[in-house]
PDB file of all heavy atoms in Angstrom:
ATOM      1  N   ASP A   1      -7.357   7.897  10.327  1.00  0.00           N
ATOM      2  CA  ASP A   1      -8.820   7.614  10.433  1.00  0.00           C
ATOM      3  C   ASP A   1      -9.612   8.784  11.031  1.00  0.00           C
ATOM      4  O   ASP A   1     -10.821   8.717  11.179  1.00  0.00           O
ATOM      5  CB  ASP A   1      -9.007   6.415  11.391  1.00  0.00           C
ATOM      6  CG  ASP A   1      -8.483   5.099  10.801  1.00  0.00           C
ATOM      7  OD1 ASP A   1      -8.538   4.962   9.585  1.00  0.00           O
ATOM      8  OD2 ASP A   1      -7.947   4.248  11.581  1.00  0.00           O
ATOM      9  N   THR A   2      -8.898   9.897  11.331  1.00  0.00           N
ATOM     10  CA  THR A   2      -9.608  11.086  11.809  1.00  0.00           C
ATOM     11  C   THR A   2     -10.616  11.595  10.753  1.00  0.00           C
ATOM     12  O   THR A   2     -10.205  11.719   9.643  1.00  0.00           O
ATOM     13  CB  THR A   2      -8.606  12.194  12.180  1.00  0.00           C
ATOM     14  OG1 THR A   2      -7.777  11.729  13.264  1.00  0.00           O
ATOM     15  CG2 THR A   2      -9.316  13.477  12.639  1.00  0.00           C
ATOM     16  N   PRO A   3     -11.823  11.886  11.144  1.00  0.00           N
ATOM     17  CA  PRO A   3     -12.810  12.427  10.180  1.00  0.00           C
ATOM     18  C   PRO A   3     -12.281  13.708   9.538  1.00  0.00           C
ATOM     19  O   PRO A   3     -11.680  14.561  10.207  1.00  0.00           O
ATOM     20  CB  PRO A   3     -14.053  12.667  11.023  1.00  0.00           C
ATOM     21  CG  PRO A   3     -13.928  11.682  12.186  1.00  0.00           C
ATOM     22  CD  PRO A   3     -12.432  11.646  12.480  1.00  0.00           C
ATOM     23  N   CYS A   4     -12.527  13.829   8.230  1.00  0.00           N
ATOM     24  CA  CYS A   4     -12.056  15.005   7.477  1.00  0.00           C
ATOM     25  C   CYS A   4     -13.161  15.989   7.330  1.00  0.00           C
ATOM     26  O   CYS A   4     -14.226  15.602   6.845  1.00  0.00           O
ATOM     27  CB  CYS A   4     -11.510  14.534   6.132  1.00  0.00           C
ATOM     28  SG  CYS A   4      -9.981  13.591   6.195  1.00  0.00           S
ATOM     29  N   HIS A   5     -12.837  17.296   7.628  1.00  0.00           N
ATOM     30  CA  HIS A   5     -13.753  18.353   7.398  1.00  0.00           C
ATOM     31  C   HIS A   5     -12.989  19.552   6.852  1.00  0.00           C
ATOM     32  O   HIS A   5     -12.838  20.593   7.513  1.00  0.00           O
ATOM     33  CB  HIS A   5     -14.444  18.714   8.688  1.00  0.00           C
ATOM     34  CG  HIS A   5     -15.241  17.598   9.341  1.00  0.00           C
ATOM     35  ND1 HIS A   5     -16.413  17.139   8.802  1.00  0.00           N
ATOM     36  CD2 HIS A   5     -14.956  16.829  10.399  1.00  0.00           C
ATOM     37  CE1 HIS A   5     -16.868  16.144   9.552  1.00  0.00           C
ATOM     38  NE2 HIS A   5     -16.015  15.907  10.531  1.00  0.00           N
ATOM     39  N   PRO A   6     -12.511  19.438   5.602  1.00  0.00           N
ATOM     40  CA  PRO A   6     -11.660  20.522   5.055  1.00  0.00           C
ATOM     41  C   PRO A   6     -12.516  21.833   4.832  1.00  0.00           C
ATOM     42  O   PRO A   6     -13.673  21.728   4.501  1.00  0.00           O
ATOM     43  CB  PRO A   6     -11.215  19.945   3.697  1.00  0.00           C
ATOM     44  CG  PRO A   6     -12.220  18.939   3.351  1.00  0.00           C
ATOM     45  CD  PRO A   6     -12.676  18.329   4.688  1.00  0.00           C
ATOM     46  N   PHE A   7     -11.868  22.955   5.049  1.00  0.00           N
ATOM     47  CA  PHE A   7     -12.579  24.215   4.856  1.00  0.00           C
ATOM     48  C   PHE A   7     -12.105  24.941   3.570  1.00  0.00           C
ATOM     49  O   PHE A   7     -12.836  25.795   3.064  1.00  0.00           O
ATOM     50  CB  PHE A   7     -12.505  25.117   6.086  1.00  0.00           C
ATOM     51  CG  PHE A   7     -11.115  25.324   6.621  1.00  0.00           C
ATOM     52  CD1 PHE A   7     -10.211  26.199   6.017  1.00  0.00           C
ATOM     53  CD2 PHE A   7     -10.656  24.619   7.692  1.00  0.00           C
ATOM     54  CE1 PHE A   7      -8.917  26.373   6.501  1.00  0.00           C
ATOM     55  CE2 PHE A   7      -9.360  24.780   8.226  1.00  0.00           C
ATOM     56  CZ  PHE A   7      -8.489  25.685   7.614  1.00  0.00           C
ATOM     57  N   SER A   8     -10.956  24.627   3.071  1.00  0.00           N
ATOM     58  CA  SER A   8     -10.490  25.271   1.843  1.00  0.00           C
ATOM     59  C   SER A   8     -10.814  24.415   0.628  1.00  0.00           C
ATOM     60  O   SER A   8     -10.989  23.185   0.727  1.00  0.00           O
ATOM     61  CB  SER A   8      -8.934  25.422   1.932  1.00  0.00           C
ATOM     62  OG  SER A   8      -8.249  24.196   1.808  1.00  0.00           O
ATOM     63  N   GLU A   9     -10.990  25.028  -0.470  1.00  0.00           N
ATOM     64  CA  GLU A   9     -11.261  24.294  -1.731  1.00  0.00           C
ATOM     65  C   GLU A   9     -10.105  23.314  -2.065  1.00  0.00           C
ATOM     66  O   GLU A   9     -10.333  22.243  -2.629  1.00  0.00           O
ATOM     67  CB  GLU A   9     -11.503  25.250  -2.862  1.00  0.00           C
ATOM     68  CG  GLU A   9     -12.749  26.128  -2.733  1.00  0.00           C
ATOM     69  CD  GLU A   9     -14.029  25.332  -2.688  1.00  0.00           C
ATOM     70  OE1 GLU A   9     -14.092  24.207  -3.274  1.00  0.00           O
ATOM     71  OE2 GLU A   9     -15.017  25.767  -1.979  1.00  0.00           O
ATOM     72  N   TYR A  10      -8.889  23.766  -1.711  1.00  0.00           N
ATOM     73  CA  TYR A  10      -7.742  22.883  -1.878  1.00  0.00           C
ATOM     74  C   TYR A  10      -7.887  21.608  -1.073  1.00  0.00           C
ATOM     75  O   TYR A  10      -7.706  20.475  -1.598  1.00  0.00           O
ATOM     76  CB  TYR A  10      -6.491  23.666  -1.473  1.00  0.00           C
ATOM     77  CG  TYR A  10      -5.236  22.845  -1.298  1.00  0.00           C
ATOM     78  CD1 TYR A  10      -4.527  22.464  -2.490  1.00  0.00           C
ATOM     79  CD2 TYR A  10      -4.725  22.555  -0.104  1.00  0.00           C
ATOM     80  CE1 TYR A  10      -3.330  21.759  -2.379  1.00  0.00           C
ATOM     81  CE2 TYR A  10      -3.521  21.794   0.041  1.00  0.00           C
ATOM     82  CZ  TYR A  10      -2.860  21.428  -1.118  1.00  0.00           C
ATOM     83  OH  TYR A  10      -1.673  20.705  -0.983  1.00  0.00           O
ATOM     84  N   GLY A  11      -8.189  21.766   0.202  1.00  0.00           N
ATOM     85  CA  GLY A  11      -8.378  20.572   1.076  1.00  0.00           C
ATOM     86  C   GLY A  11      -9.527  19.676   0.607  1.00  0.00           C
ATOM     87  O   GLY A  11      -9.445  18.454   0.597  1.00  0.00           O
ATOM     88  N   LYS A  12     -10.617  20.323   0.137  1.00  0.00           N
ATOM     89  CA  LYS A  12     -11.746  19.555  -0.325  1.00  0.00           C
ATOM     90  C   LYS A  12     -11.400  18.765  -1.583  1.00  0.00           C
ATOM     91  O   LYS A  12     -11.837  17.586  -1.747  1.00  0.00           O
ATOM     92  CB  LYS A  12     -12.926  20.521  -0.661  1.00  0.00           C
ATOM     93  CG  LYS A  12     -13.530  21.183   0.529  1.00  0.00           C
ATOM     94  CD  LYS A  12     -14.583  22.253   0.137  1.00  0.00           C
ATOM     95  CE  LYS A  12     -15.090  22.975   1.381  1.00  0.00           C
ATOM     96  NZ  LYS A  12     -16.057  24.065   0.948  1.00  0.00           N
ATOM     97  N   ALA A  13     -10.601  19.358  -2.501  1.00  0.00           N
ATOM     98  CA  ALA A  13     -10.221  18.714  -3.703  1.00  0.00           C
ATOM     99  C   ALA A  13      -9.272  17.541  -3.454  1.00  0.00           C
ATOM    100  O   ALA A  13      -9.393  16.452  -4.020  1.00  0.00           O
ATOM    101  CB  ALA A  13      -9.524  19.691  -4.642  1.00  0.00           C
ATOM    102  N   LYS A  14      -8.379  17.691  -2.480  1.00  0.00           N
ATOM    103  CA  LYS A  14      -7.464  16.615  -2.118  1.00  0.00           C
ATOM    104  C   LYS A  14      -8.261  15.440  -1.517  1.00  0.00           C
ATOM    105  O   LYS A  14      -7.916  14.301  -1.830  1.00  0.00           O
ATOM    106  CB  LYS A  14      -6.442  17.126  -1.125  1.00  0.00           C
ATOM    107  CG  LYS A  14      -5.377  18.075  -1.701  1.00  0.00           C
ATOM    108  CD  LYS A  14      -4.431  17.320  -2.617  1.00  0.00           C
ATOM    109  CE  LYS A  14      -3.258  18.202  -3.075  1.00  0.00           C
ATOM    110  NZ  LYS A  14      -2.304  17.496  -3.977  1.00  0.00           N
ATOM    111  N   LEU A  15      -9.244  15.733  -0.715  1.00  0.00           N
ATOM    112  CA  LEU A  15     -10.048  14.676  -0.143  1.00  0.00           C
ATOM    113  C   LEU A  15     -10.903  13.996  -1.219  1.00  0.00           C
ATOM    114  O   LEU A  15     -11.002  12.750  -1.290  1.00  0.00           O
ATOM    115  CB  LEU A  15     -10.959  15.241   0.940  1.00  0.00           C
ATOM    116  CG  LEU A  15     -11.877  14.219   1.627  1.00  0.00           C
ATOM    117  CD1 LEU A  15     -11.090  13.149   2.317  1.00  0.00           C
ATOM    118  CD2 LEU A  15     -12.821  15.000   2.647  1.00  0.00           C
ATOM    119  N   GLU A  16     -11.423  14.777  -2.152  1.00  0.00           N
ATOM    120  CA  GLU A  16     -12.266  14.177  -3.171  1.00  0.00           C
ATOM    121  C   GLU A  16     -11.428  13.258  -4.127  1.00  0.00           C
ATOM    122  O   GLU A  16     -11.909  12.193  -4.501  1.00  0.00           O
ATOM    123  CB  GLU A  16     -12.896  15.278  -4.037  1.00  0.00           C
ATOM    124  CG  GLU A  16     -13.835  14.781  -5.146  1.00  0.00           C
ATOM    125  CD  GLU A  16     -14.602  15.860  -5.850  1.00  0.00           C
ATOM    126  OE1 GLU A  16     -14.744  16.955  -5.303  1.00  0.00           O
ATOM    127  OE2 GLU A  16     -15.070  15.579  -6.996  1.00  0.00           O
ATOM    128  N   ILE A  17     -10.185  13.671  -4.427  1.00  0.00           N
ATOM    129  CA  ILE A  17      -9.417  12.870  -5.320  1.00  0.00           C
ATOM    130  C   ILE A  17      -8.974  11.591  -4.596  1.00  0.00           C
ATOM    131  O   ILE A  17      -8.803  10.460  -5.248  1.00  0.00           O
ATOM    132  CB  ILE A  17      -8.171  13.598  -5.909  1.00  0.00           C
ATOM    133  CG1 ILE A  17      -7.601  12.820  -7.058  1.00  0.00           C
ATOM    134  CG2 ILE A  17      -7.099  13.853  -4.842  1.00  0.00           C
ATOM    135  CD1 ILE A  17      -8.542  12.467  -8.137  1.00  0.00           C
ATOM    136  N   LYS A  18      -8.817  11.612  -3.303  1.00  0.00           N
ATOM    137  CA  LYS A  18      -8.538  10.360  -2.571  1.00  0.00           C
ATOM    138  C   LYS A  18      -9.694   9.418  -2.684  1.00  0.00           C
ATOM    139  O   LYS A  18      -9.515   8.215  -3.004  1.00  0.00           O
ATOM    140  CB  LYS A  18      -8.297  10.706  -1.080  1.00  0.00           C
ATOM    141  CG  LYS A  18      -7.811   9.492  -0.264  1.00  0.00           C
ATOM    142  CD  LYS A  18      -8.911   8.605   0.271  1.00  0.00           C
ATOM    143  CE  LYS A  18      -9.837   9.338   1.204  1.00  0.00           C
ATOM    144  NZ  LYS A  18     -10.909   8.357   1.729  1.00  0.00           N
ATOM    145  N   GLU A  19     -10.919   9.942  -2.521  1.00  0.00           N
ATOM    146  CA  GLU A  19     -12.100   9.064  -2.546  1.00  0.00           C
ATOM    147  C   GLU A  19     -12.326   8.550  -3.991  1.00  0.00           C
ATOM    148  O   GLU A  19     -12.568   7.319  -4.157  1.00  0.00           O
ATOM    149  CB  GLU A  19     -13.308   9.809  -2.049  1.00  0.00           C
ATOM    150  CG  GLU A  19     -13.185  10.188  -0.629  1.00  0.00           C
ATOM    151  CD  GLU A  19     -14.257  11.165  -0.085  1.00  0.00           C
ATOM    152  OE1 GLU A  19     -14.901  11.800  -0.951  1.00  0.00           O
ATOM    153  OE2 GLU A  19     -14.415  11.269   1.115  1.00  0.00           O
ATOM    154  N   ARG A  20     -12.205   9.366  -4.947  1.00  0.00           N
ATOM    155  CA  ARG A  20     -12.368   8.946  -6.339  1.00  0.00           C
ATOM    156  C   ARG A  20     -11.253   8.069  -6.814  1.00  0.00           C
ATOM    157  O   ARG A  20     -11.397   7.159  -7.571  1.00  0.00           O
ATOM    158  CB  ARG A  20     -12.599  10.185  -7.270  1.00  0.00           C
ATOM    159  CG  ARG A  20     -13.887  10.883  -7.016  1.00  0.00           C
ATOM    160  CD  ARG A  20     -14.052  12.115  -7.895  1.00  0.00           C
ATOM    161  NE  ARG A  20     -13.996  11.729  -9.329  1.00  0.00           N
ATOM    162  CZ  ARG A  20     -14.107  12.596 -10.333  1.00  0.00           C
ATOM    163  NH1 ARG A  20     -14.234  13.907 -10.090  1.00  0.00           N
ATOM    164  NH2 ARG A  20     -14.076  12.205 -11.567  1.00  0.00           N
ATOM    165  N   GLY A  21     -10.010   8.428  -6.383  1.00  0.00           N
ATOM    166  CA  GLY A  21      -8.863   7.650  -6.745  1.00  0.00           C
ATOM    167  C   GLY A  21      -8.901   6.240  -6.174  1.00  0.00           C
ATOM    168  O   GLY A  21      -8.538   5.277  -6.881  1.00  0.00           O
ATOM    169  N   PHE A  22      -9.360   6.083  -4.936  1.00  0.00           N
ATOM    170  CA  PHE A  22      -9.458   4.757  -4.387  1.00  0.00           C
ATOM    171  C   PHE A  22     -10.449   3.896  -5.166  1.00  0.00           C
ATOM    172  O   PHE A  22     -10.154   2.720  -5.498  1.00  0.00           O
ATOM    173  CB  PHE A  22      -9.974   4.860  -2.958  1.00  0.00           C
ATOM    174  CG  PHE A  22      -8.891   5.011  -1.860  1.00  0.00           C
ATOM    175  CD1 PHE A  22      -7.640   5.556  -2.245  1.00  0.00           C
ATOM    176  CD2 PHE A  22      -9.088   4.615  -0.576  1.00  0.00           C
ATOM    177  CE1 PHE A  22      -6.627   5.692  -1.264  1.00  0.00           C
ATOM    178  CE2 PHE A  22      -8.107   4.712   0.364  1.00  0.00           C
ATOM    179  CZ  PHE A  22      -6.852   5.278   0.004  1.00  0.00           C
ATOM    180  N   ALA A  23     -11.592   4.490  -5.535  1.00  0.00           N
ATOM    181  CA  ALA A  23     -12.620   3.781  -6.297  1.00  0.00           C
ATOM    182  C   ALA A  23     -12.089   3.390  -7.674  1.00  0.00           C
ATOM    183  O   ALA A  23     -12.262   2.222  -8.140  1.00  0.00           O
ATOM    184  CB  ALA A  23     -13.892   4.578  -6.397  1.00  0.00           C
ATOM    185  N   LEU A  24     -11.422   4.326  -8.351  1.00  0.00           N
ATOM    186  CA  LEU A  24     -10.951   4.062  -9.710  1.00  0.00           C
ATOM    187  C   LEU A  24      -9.779   3.021  -9.653  1.00  0.00           C
ATOM    188  O   LEU A  24      -9.735   2.130 -10.531  1.00  0.00           O
ATOM    189  CB  LEU A  24     -10.422   5.380 -10.300  1.00  0.00           C
ATOM    190  CG  LEU A  24      -9.881   5.249 -11.732  1.00  0.00           C
ATOM    191  CD1 LEU A  24     -10.836   4.652 -12.697  1.00  0.00           C
ATOM    192  CD2 LEU A  24      -9.409   6.625 -12.267  1.00  0.00           C
ATOM    193  N   ALA A  25      -8.943   3.097  -8.659  1.00  0.00           N
ATOM    194  CA  ALA A  25      -7.820   2.152  -8.521  1.00  0.00           C
ATOM    195  C   ALA A  25      -8.335   0.730  -8.347  1.00  0.00           C
ATOM    196  O   ALA A  25      -7.823  -0.246  -8.928  1.00  0.00           O
ATOM    197  CB  ALA A  25      -6.918   2.547  -7.390  1.00  0.00           C
ATOM    198  N   GLU A  26      -9.399   0.590  -7.560  1.00  0.00           N
ATOM    199  CA  GLU A  26      -9.991  -0.687  -7.362  1.00  0.00           C
ATOM    200  C   GLU A  26     -10.610  -1.228  -8.647  1.00  0.00           C
ATOM    201  O   GLU A  26     -10.456  -2.380  -9.019  1.00  0.00           O
ATOM    202  CB  GLU A  26     -11.094  -0.630  -6.265  1.00  0.00           C
ATOM    203  CG  GLU A  26     -11.778  -1.940  -5.966  1.00  0.00           C
ATOM    204  CD  GLU A  26     -12.765  -1.907  -4.852  1.00  0.00           C
ATOM    205  OE1 GLU A  26     -13.145  -0.733  -4.472  1.00  0.00           O
ATOM    206  OE2 GLU A  26     -13.179  -2.977  -4.367  1.00  0.00           O
ATOM    207  N   GLU A  27     -11.229  -0.332  -9.381  1.00  0.00           N
ATOM    208  CA  GLU A  27     -11.832  -0.757 -10.677  1.00  0.00           C
ATOM    209  C   GLU A  27     -10.765  -1.183 -11.708  1.00  0.00           C
ATOM    210  O   GLU A  27     -10.959  -2.127 -12.445  1.00  0.00           O
ATOM    211  CB  GLU A  27     -12.626   0.453 -11.239  1.00  0.00           C
ATOM    212  CG  GLU A  27     -13.229   0.207 -12.618  1.00  0.00           C
ATOM    213  CD  GLU A  27     -13.875   1.483 -13.201  1.00  0.00           C
ATOM    214  OE1 GLU A  27     -14.364   2.334 -12.386  1.00  0.00           O
ATOM    215  OE2 GLU A  27     -13.907   1.640 -14.406  1.00  0.00           O
ATOM    216  N   LEU A  28      -9.632  -0.448 -11.736  1.00  0.00           N
ATOM    217  CA  LEU A  28      -8.631  -0.741 -12.692  1.00  0.00           C
ATOM    218  C   LEU A  28      -7.635  -1.834 -12.260  1.00  0.00           C
ATOM    219  O   LEU A  28      -6.887  -2.330 -13.066  1.00  0.00           O
ATOM    220  CB  LEU A  28      -7.790   0.554 -12.967  1.00  0.00           C
ATOM    221  CG  LEU A  28      -8.547   1.725 -13.619  1.00  0.00           C
ATOM    222  CD1 LEU A  28      -7.629   2.908 -13.769  1.00  0.00           C
ATOM    223  CD2 LEU A  28      -9.138   1.329 -14.957  1.00  0.00           C
ATOM    224  N   GLY A  29      -7.709  -2.163 -10.941  1.00  0.00           N
ATOM    225  CA  GLY A  29      -6.771  -3.184 -10.460  1.00  0.00           C
ATOM    226  C   GLY A  29      -5.338  -2.652 -10.265  1.00  0.00           C
ATOM    227  O   GLY A  29      -4.380  -3.335 -10.671  1.00  0.00           O
ATOM    228  N   ILE A  30      -5.200  -1.470  -9.742  1.00  0.00           N
ATOM    229  CA  ILE A  30      -3.910  -0.835  -9.484  1.00  0.00           C
ATOM    230  C   ILE A  30      -3.841  -0.419  -8.009  1.00  0.00           C
ATOM    231  O   ILE A  30      -4.839  -0.024  -7.443  1.00  0.00           O
ATOM    232  CB  ILE A  30      -3.697   0.416 -10.425  1.00  0.00           C
ATOM    233  CG1 ILE A  30      -2.270   0.961 -10.318  1.00  0.00           C
ATOM    234  CG2 ILE A  30      -4.734   1.478 -10.187  1.00  0.00           C
ATOM    235  CD1 ILE A  30      -1.987   2.049 -11.359  1.00  0.00           C
ATOM    236  N   LYS A  31      -2.648  -0.582  -7.421  1.00  0.00           N
ATOM    237  CA  LYS A  31      -2.479  -0.152  -6.046  1.00  0.00           C
ATOM    238  C   LYS A  31      -2.467   1.373  -5.976  1.00  0.00           C
ATOM    239  O   LYS A  31      -2.067   2.040  -6.913  1.00  0.00           O
ATOM    240  CB  LYS A  31      -1.152  -0.709  -5.469  1.00  0.00           C
ATOM    241  CG  LYS A  31      -1.128  -2.211  -5.403  1.00  0.00           C
ATOM    242  CD  LYS A  31       0.175  -2.664  -4.809  1.00  0.00           C
ATOM    243  CE  LYS A  31       0.162  -4.198  -4.614  1.00  0.00           C
ATOM    244  NZ  LYS A  31       1.417  -4.703  -3.948  1.00  0.00           N
ATOM    245  N   TYR A  32      -2.932   1.927  -4.814  1.00  0.00           N
ATOM    246  CA  TYR A  32      -3.053   3.375  -4.671  1.00  0.00           C
ATOM    247  C   TYR A  32      -2.571   3.815  -3.301  1.00  0.00           C
ATOM    248  O   TYR A  32      -3.093   3.301  -2.266  1.00  0.00           O
ATOM    249  CB  TYR A  32      -4.535   3.771  -4.857  1.00  0.00           C
ATOM    250  CG  TYR A  32      -4.730   5.274  -5.126  1.00  0.00           C
ATOM    251  CD1 TYR A  32      -5.031   5.699  -6.369  1.00  0.00           C
ATOM    252  CD2 TYR A  32      -4.765   6.197  -4.089  1.00  0.00           C
ATOM    253  CE1 TYR A  32      -5.237   7.072  -6.631  1.00  0.00           C
ATOM    254  CE2 TYR A  32      -5.003   7.507  -4.281  1.00  0.00           C
ATOM    255  CZ  TYR A  32      -5.235   7.984  -5.531  1.00  0.00           C
ATOM    256  OH  TYR A  32      -5.471   9.289  -5.805  1.00  0.00           O
ATOM    257  N   LEU A  33      -1.647   4.727  -3.306  1.00  0.00           N
ATOM    258  CA  LEU A  33      -1.085   5.273  -2.037  1.00  0.00           C
ATOM    259  C   LEU A  33      -1.393   6.734  -1.965  1.00  0.00           C
ATOM    260  O   LEU A  33      -0.967   7.530  -2.800  1.00  0.00           O
ATOM    261  CB  LEU A  33       0.454   5.019  -2.011  1.00  0.00           C
ATOM    262  CG  LEU A  33       1.249   5.646  -0.910  1.00  0.00           C
ATOM    263  CD1 LEU A  33       0.796   5.147   0.441  1.00  0.00           C
ATOM    264  CD2 LEU A  33       2.743   5.323  -1.087  1.00  0.00           C
ATOM    265  N   HIS A  34      -2.145   7.151  -0.913  1.00  0.00           N
ATOM    266  CA  HIS A  34      -2.507   8.539  -0.724  1.00  0.00           C
ATOM    267  C   HIS A  34      -1.722   9.054   0.481  1.00  0.00           C
ATOM    268  O   HIS A  34      -1.832   8.572   1.581  1.00  0.00           O
ATOM    269  CB  HIS A  34      -3.997   8.668  -0.460  1.00  0.00           C
ATOM    270  CG  HIS A  34      -4.492  10.073  -0.279  1.00  0.00           C
ATOM    271  ND1 HIS A  34      -4.678  10.906  -1.372  1.00  0.00           N
ATOM    272  CD2 HIS A  34      -4.848  10.759   0.782  1.00  0.00           C
ATOM    273  CE1 HIS A  34      -5.110  12.002  -0.947  1.00  0.00           C
ATOM    274  NE2 HIS A  34      -5.249  12.018   0.371  1.00  0.00           N
ATOM    275  N   LEU A  35      -0.861  10.071   0.193  1.00  0.00           N
ATOM    276  CA  LEU A  35      -0.027  10.641   1.212  1.00  0.00           C
ATOM    277  C   LEU A  35      -0.656  11.929   1.796  1.00  0.00           C
ATOM    278  O   LEU A  35      -0.945  12.866   1.088  1.00  0.00           O
ATOM    279  CB  LEU A  35       1.326  10.983   0.590  1.00  0.00           C
ATOM    280  CG  LEU A  35       2.061   9.925  -0.166  1.00  0.00           C
ATOM    281  CD1 LEU A  35       3.233  10.509  -0.942  1.00  0.00           C
ATOM    282  CD2 LEU A  35       2.551   8.814   0.759  1.00  0.00           C
ATOM    283  N   ARG A  36      -0.872  11.945   3.092  1.00  0.00           N
ATOM    284  CA  ARG A  36      -1.297  13.157   3.771  1.00  0.00           C
ATOM    285  C   ARG A  36      -0.096  13.879   4.303  1.00  0.00           C
ATOM    286  O   ARG A  36       0.416  13.586   5.365  1.00  0.00           O
ATOM    287  CB  ARG A  36      -2.339  12.836   4.853  1.00  0.00           C
ATOM    288  CG  ARG A  36      -3.642  12.264   4.260  1.00  0.00           C
ATOM    289  CD  ARG A  36      -4.875  13.027   4.835  1.00  0.00           C
ATOM    290  NE  ARG A  36      -6.064  12.705   4.088  1.00  0.00           N
ATOM    291  CZ  ARG A  36      -6.988  11.834   4.539  1.00  0.00           C
ATOM    292  NH1 ARG A  36      -6.903  11.278   5.713  1.00  0.00           N
ATOM    293  NH2 ARG A  36      -8.046  11.558   3.814  1.00  0.00           N
ATOM    294  N   ILE A  37       0.387  14.856   3.505  1.00  0.00           N
ATOM    295  CA  ILE A  37       1.631  15.508   3.825  1.00  0.00           C
ATOM    296  C   ILE A  37       1.358  16.674   4.682  1.00  0.00           C
ATOM    297  O   ILE A  37       0.525  17.574   4.422  1.00  0.00           O
ATOM    298  CB  ILE A  37       2.308  15.954   2.506  1.00  0.00           C
ATOM    299  CG1 ILE A  37       2.622  14.746   1.634  1.00  0.00           C
ATOM    300  CG2 ILE A  37       3.633  16.702   2.828  1.00  0.00           C
ATOM    301  CD1 ILE A  37       3.180  15.086   0.255  1.00  0.00           C
ATOM    302  N   PHE A  38       2.096  16.793   5.826  1.00  0.00           N
ATOM    303  CA  PHE A  38       1.903  17.877   6.823  1.00  0.00           C
ATOM    304  C   PHE A  38       2.874  18.997   6.461  1.00  0.00           C
ATOM    305  O   PHE A  38       3.103  19.290   5.300  1.00  0.00           O
ATOM    306  CB  PHE A  38       2.116  17.313   8.200  1.00  0.00           C
ATOM    307  CG  PHE A  38       0.869  16.597   8.785  1.00  0.00           C
ATOM    308  CD1 PHE A  38       0.461  15.412   8.204  1.00  0.00           C
ATOM    309  CD2 PHE A  38       0.082  17.158   9.791  1.00  0.00           C
ATOM    310  CE1 PHE A  38      -0.683  14.741   8.664  1.00  0.00           C
ATOM    311  CE2 PHE A  38      -1.059  16.556  10.264  1.00  0.00           C
ATOM    312  CZ  PHE A  38      -1.422  15.300   9.686  1.00  0.00           C
ATOM    313  N   SER A  39       3.394  19.695   7.426  1.00  0.00           N
ATOM    314  CA  SER A  39       4.145  20.898   7.175  1.00  0.00           C
ATOM    315  C   SER A  39       5.613  20.586   6.896  1.00  0.00           C
ATOM    316  O   SER A  39       6.409  20.268   7.802  1.00  0.00           O
ATOM    317  CB  SER A  39       4.051  21.843   8.389  1.00  0.00           C
ATOM    318  OG  SER A  39       4.455  23.117   8.055  1.00  0.00           O
TER     319      SER A  39
END
């Protein structure tokens, strides 16, 4: 739940696909698991 403030384009894209993926998964009726992988 920590607020996200990515500074790299990579981090921004990963956050954007989470947000768009969640919305699309809800629309399509499919479960969606987003993994925030650390080091």
